[in-house]
N, C-alpha and C. Protein backbone atom coordinates (compact mmCIF):
# COMPACT_ATOMS: atom_id res chain seq x y z
N MET A 1 0.84 -1.19 0.00
CA MET A 1 0.00 0.00 0.00
C MET A 1 0.88 1.25 0.00
N SER A 2 0.57 2.17 -0.84
CA SER A 2 1.32 3.42 -0.95
C SER A 2 0.95 4.36 0.19
N LYS A 3 1.92 5.14 0.65
CA LYS A 3 1.67 6.09 1.74
C LYS A 3 2.24 7.45 1.36
N HIS A 4 1.97 7.89 0.15
CA HIS A 4 2.50 9.16 -0.34
C HIS A 4 1.93 10.36 0.41
N TYR A 5 0.78 10.22 1.03
CA TYR A 5 0.15 11.32 1.77
C TYR A 5 0.96 11.72 3.00
N ARG A 6 1.91 10.90 3.41
CA ARG A 6 2.72 11.16 4.60
C ARG A 6 3.92 12.05 4.33
N TYR A 7 4.16 12.36 3.08
CA TYR A 7 5.39 13.07 2.74
C TYR A 7 5.17 14.05 1.59
N PHE A 8 5.72 15.23 1.74
CA PHE A 8 5.65 16.25 0.71
C PHE A 8 6.91 17.11 0.83
N GLN A 9 7.48 17.46 -0.29
CA GLN A 9 8.67 18.31 -0.25
C GLN A 9 8.54 19.41 -1.31
N ASN A 10 8.85 20.64 -0.90
CA ASN A 10 8.77 21.78 -1.80
C ASN A 10 10.11 22.51 -1.83
N LYS A 11 11.01 22.06 -2.67
CA LYS A 11 12.34 22.67 -2.76
C LYS A 11 12.28 24.06 -3.39
N GLU A 12 11.15 24.44 -3.96
CA GLU A 12 10.98 25.75 -4.57
C GLU A 12 10.62 26.81 -3.53
N CYS A 13 10.26 26.38 -2.32
CA CYS A 13 9.87 27.30 -1.25
C CYS A 13 11.05 28.20 -0.89
N GLU A 14 10.76 29.49 -0.72
CA GLU A 14 11.82 30.44 -0.38
C GLU A 14 12.43 30.19 0.99
N TYR A 15 11.78 29.38 1.81
CA TYR A 15 12.31 29.06 3.14
C TYR A 15 12.95 27.68 3.22
N TYR A 16 12.93 26.95 2.12
CA TYR A 16 13.47 25.58 2.12
C TYR A 16 14.99 25.60 2.19
N PRO A 17 15.58 24.80 3.04
CA PRO A 17 14.98 24.13 4.19
C PRO A 17 14.91 25.10 5.36
N CYS A 18 13.83 25.09 6.06
CA CYS A 18 13.65 26.03 7.18
C CYS A 18 14.35 25.56 8.45
N HIS A 19 14.71 24.30 8.51
CA HIS A 19 15.42 23.73 9.64
C HIS A 19 16.54 22.84 9.11
N HIS A 20 17.58 22.69 9.90
CA HIS A 20 18.67 21.78 9.52
C HIS A 20 18.21 20.35 9.74
N ILE A 21 18.49 19.51 8.77
CA ILE A 21 18.23 18.08 8.90
C ILE A 21 19.36 17.36 8.18
N GLU A 22 19.79 16.24 8.73
CA GLU A 22 20.94 15.51 8.20
C GLU A 22 20.80 15.20 6.71
N ASN A 23 19.68 14.63 6.31
CA ASN A 23 19.47 14.21 4.94
C ASN A 23 18.32 15.02 4.32
N GLU A 24 18.67 16.02 3.51
CA GLU A 24 17.63 16.88 2.92
C GLU A 24 16.68 16.13 2.01
N ASP A 25 17.08 14.97 1.50
CA ASP A 25 16.18 14.17 0.67
C ASP A 25 15.00 13.64 1.48
N LYS A 26 15.14 13.61 2.80
CA LYS A 26 14.07 13.14 3.67
C LYS A 26 13.35 14.29 4.36
N PHE A 27 13.64 15.52 3.97
CA PHE A 27 13.02 16.70 4.58
C PHE A 27 11.55 16.74 4.19
N ASN A 28 10.67 16.69 5.18
CA ASN A 28 9.23 16.65 4.94
C ASN A 28 8.62 18.03 5.19
N CYS A 29 7.99 18.58 4.17
CA CYS A 29 7.34 19.89 4.27
C CYS A 29 5.86 19.76 4.61
N LEU A 30 5.37 18.55 4.80
CA LEU A 30 3.95 18.33 5.06
C LEU A 30 3.45 19.13 6.25
N PHE A 31 4.22 19.15 7.32
CA PHE A 31 3.85 19.90 8.51
C PHE A 31 4.66 21.19 8.56
N CYS A 32 4.54 21.99 7.53
CA CYS A 32 5.29 23.24 7.41
C CYS A 32 5.14 24.08 8.67
N TYR A 33 3.91 24.29 9.08
CA TYR A 33 3.64 24.95 10.35
C TYR A 33 3.30 23.83 11.33
N CYS A 34 4.11 23.68 12.33
CA CYS A 34 3.98 22.54 13.24
C CYS A 34 2.61 22.51 13.90
N PRO A 35 1.86 21.43 13.72
CA PRO A 35 0.55 21.33 14.35
C PRO A 35 0.64 21.12 15.87
N LEU A 36 1.84 20.88 16.37
CA LEU A 36 2.02 20.62 17.80
C LEU A 36 2.42 21.86 18.59
N TYR A 37 2.61 22.97 17.91
CA TYR A 37 3.03 24.20 18.57
C TYR A 37 2.12 24.55 19.74
N ALA A 38 0.82 24.36 19.56
CA ALA A 38 -0.16 24.73 20.58
C ALA A 38 -0.08 23.85 21.83
N LEU A 39 0.64 22.75 21.77
CA LEU A 39 0.80 21.90 22.95
C LEU A 39 1.80 22.48 23.94
N GLY A 40 2.44 23.58 23.58
CA GLY A 40 3.40 24.22 24.48
C GLY A 40 4.54 23.28 24.84
N ASP A 41 4.80 23.14 26.13
CA ASP A 41 5.93 22.32 26.56
C ASP A 41 5.64 20.82 26.48
N LYS A 42 4.45 20.44 26.04
CA LYS A 42 4.09 19.03 25.88
C LYS A 42 4.20 18.56 24.43
N CYS A 43 4.77 19.38 23.56
CA CYS A 43 4.84 19.03 22.14
C CYS A 43 5.82 17.89 21.85
N GLY A 44 6.82 17.74 22.69
CA GLY A 44 7.80 16.67 22.48
C GLY A 44 8.99 17.08 21.62
N GLY A 45 9.03 18.34 21.23
CA GLY A 45 10.11 18.82 20.37
C GLY A 45 11.24 19.49 21.13
N CYS A 46 12.24 19.87 20.37
CA CYS A 46 13.41 20.56 20.91
C CYS A 46 13.19 22.06 20.72
N PHE A 47 12.75 22.73 21.77
CA PHE A 47 12.43 24.16 21.67
C PHE A 47 12.93 24.85 22.92
N LYS A 48 12.84 26.17 22.89
CA LYS A 48 13.10 26.96 24.10
C LYS A 48 12.17 28.16 24.04
N TYR A 49 12.00 28.81 25.16
CA TYR A 49 11.19 30.02 25.20
C TYR A 49 12.12 31.23 25.19
N THR A 50 11.75 32.25 24.44
CA THR A 50 12.53 33.49 24.40
C THR A 50 12.27 34.28 25.68
N ASP A 51 13.04 35.33 25.87
CA ASP A 51 12.86 36.20 27.04
C ASP A 51 11.46 36.79 27.09
N LYS A 52 10.81 36.89 25.93
CA LYS A 52 9.45 37.44 25.88
C LYS A 52 8.38 36.36 26.00
N GLY A 53 8.79 35.11 26.25
CA GLY A 53 7.84 34.03 26.45
C GLY A 53 7.33 33.39 25.17
N ILE A 54 7.98 33.68 24.05
CA ILE A 54 7.58 33.10 22.76
C ILE A 54 8.31 31.78 22.56
N LYS A 55 7.59 30.78 22.11
CA LYS A 55 8.18 29.47 21.86
C LYS A 55 9.04 29.55 20.59
N ASP A 56 10.31 29.19 20.71
CA ASP A 56 11.27 29.24 19.61
C ASP A 56 11.59 27.81 19.19
N CYS A 57 11.15 27.42 18.01
CA CYS A 57 11.29 26.04 17.53
C CYS A 57 12.36 25.91 16.44
N ARG A 58 13.21 26.90 16.30
CA ARG A 58 14.21 26.86 15.23
C ARG A 58 15.11 25.64 15.26
N ASN A 59 15.35 25.08 16.43
CA ASN A 59 16.24 23.92 16.54
C ASN A 59 15.49 22.59 16.52
N CYS A 60 14.22 22.62 16.22
CA CYS A 60 13.41 21.40 16.19
C CYS A 60 13.13 20.98 14.75
N SER A 61 13.45 19.74 14.45
CA SER A 61 13.19 19.24 13.10
C SER A 61 12.19 18.07 13.13
N ILE A 62 11.59 17.80 14.27
CA ILE A 62 10.68 16.65 14.40
C ILE A 62 9.59 16.65 13.32
N PRO A 63 8.87 17.76 13.08
CA PRO A 63 7.82 17.68 12.05
C PRO A 63 8.37 17.57 10.63
N HIS A 64 9.66 17.81 10.45
CA HIS A 64 10.24 17.77 9.11
C HIS A 64 10.99 16.48 8.81
N ASP A 65 11.03 15.56 9.77
CA ASP A 65 11.67 14.28 9.55
C ASP A 65 10.63 13.32 8.98
N GLN A 66 10.92 12.80 7.83
CA GLN A 66 10.00 11.93 7.11
C GLN A 66 9.52 10.75 7.97
N GLU A 67 10.33 10.33 8.90
CA GLU A 67 10.00 9.17 9.73
C GLU A 67 9.06 9.50 10.90
N ASN A 68 8.75 10.76 11.13
CA ASN A 68 7.97 11.16 12.31
C ASN A 68 6.48 11.37 12.06
N TYR A 69 5.97 10.97 10.92
CA TYR A 69 4.55 11.17 10.61
C TYR A 69 3.66 10.58 11.71
N GLU A 70 3.88 9.32 12.06
CA GLU A 70 3.05 8.65 13.07
C GLU A 70 3.15 9.36 14.42
N LYS A 71 4.34 9.81 14.78
CA LYS A 71 4.54 10.51 16.05
C LYS A 71 3.71 11.80 16.09
N ILE A 72 3.70 12.55 14.99
CA ILE A 72 2.92 13.79 14.90
C ILE A 72 1.43 13.48 15.02
N ILE A 73 0.96 12.48 14.30
CA ILE A 73 -0.46 12.12 14.33
C ILE A 73 -0.87 11.69 15.74
N GLU A 74 -0.02 10.93 16.42
CA GLU A 74 -0.30 10.50 17.79
C GLU A 74 -0.40 11.71 18.73
N LYS A 75 0.54 12.65 18.62
CA LYS A 75 0.52 13.85 19.46
C LYS A 75 -0.67 14.74 19.13
N LEU A 76 -1.14 14.72 17.89
CA LEU A 76 -2.33 15.49 17.52
C LEU A 76 -3.54 15.02 18.32
N GLY A 77 -3.56 13.74 18.67
CA GLY A 77 -4.63 13.21 19.51
C GLY A 77 -4.67 13.92 20.85
N GLU A 78 -3.49 14.23 21.41
CA GLU A 78 -3.42 14.97 22.67
C GLU A 78 -3.99 16.37 22.50
N LEU A 79 -3.69 17.00 21.37
CA LEU A 79 -4.21 18.34 21.11
C LEU A 79 -5.73 18.31 20.97
N ILE A 80 -6.23 17.31 20.28
CA ILE A 80 -7.68 17.16 20.13
C ILE A 80 -8.34 16.98 21.49
N ASP A 81 -7.73 16.17 22.35
CA ASP A 81 -8.28 15.97 23.70
C ASP A 81 -8.27 17.27 24.50
N MET A 82 -7.25 18.09 24.29
CA MET A 82 -7.16 19.37 25.01
C MET A 82 -8.32 20.30 24.67
N VAL A 83 -8.72 20.31 23.42
CA VAL A 83 -9.74 21.27 22.98
C VAL A 83 -11.13 20.66 22.84
N LYS A 84 -11.23 19.37 23.11
CA LYS A 84 -12.52 18.71 22.99
C LYS A 84 -13.50 19.28 24.00
N LYS A 85 -14.70 19.54 23.54
CA LYS A 85 -15.75 20.08 24.41
C LYS A 85 -16.25 18.99 25.35
N ASP A 86 -16.35 19.33 26.60
CA ASP A 86 -16.86 18.41 27.60
C ASP A 86 -18.37 18.26 27.38
N THR A 87 -18.80 17.07 27.01
CA THR A 87 -20.22 16.85 26.73
C THR A 87 -20.93 16.09 27.84
N ASP A 88 -20.21 15.79 28.93
CA ASP A 88 -20.87 15.12 30.08
C ASP A 88 -21.96 16.03 30.64
N GLY A 89 -23.10 15.49 30.85
CA GLY A 89 -24.18 16.24 31.47
C GLY A 89 -25.03 17.04 30.51
N ILE A 90 -24.65 17.12 29.25
CA ILE A 90 -25.45 17.89 28.29
C ILE A 90 -26.75 17.12 28.02
N GLY A 91 -27.84 17.82 28.07
CA GLY A 91 -29.13 17.23 27.80
C GLY A 91 -29.76 16.51 29.00
N SER A 92 -29.10 16.63 30.14
CA SER A 92 -29.65 15.95 31.32
C SER A 92 -30.54 16.86 32.15
N ASP A 93 -30.85 18.04 31.66
CA ASP A 93 -31.71 18.99 32.40
C ASP A 93 -33.12 18.51 32.43
C-alpha cells in the first residue's frame, strides 16, 4: 500500500529548508507549520522560550523528519483531547 500522503517536499519554497536536517532528501514539508506548537511544553520537540515568552522552535526538526509522521499524528490526539468540548451532562436537564 502506498503512503505518499505522509510526505511532501517543496524545494521551490523560499524558506526551504527552514530547519537543519541531516538528509535533505528526507526533509518533509507536510507539517510546514507545526501542528504541535499549541501543545506548548508538551509538544515533544526541541524548543526553548525566548525572554518574551515566545516558543522558539528553530532547533526542532521533528515535524520535518519523514519518519515522524506517526509521532505527529499521535501527538495530535493529545491536542484534540485538550480542545474537545466536555459533553458530560449535556441534555440531562
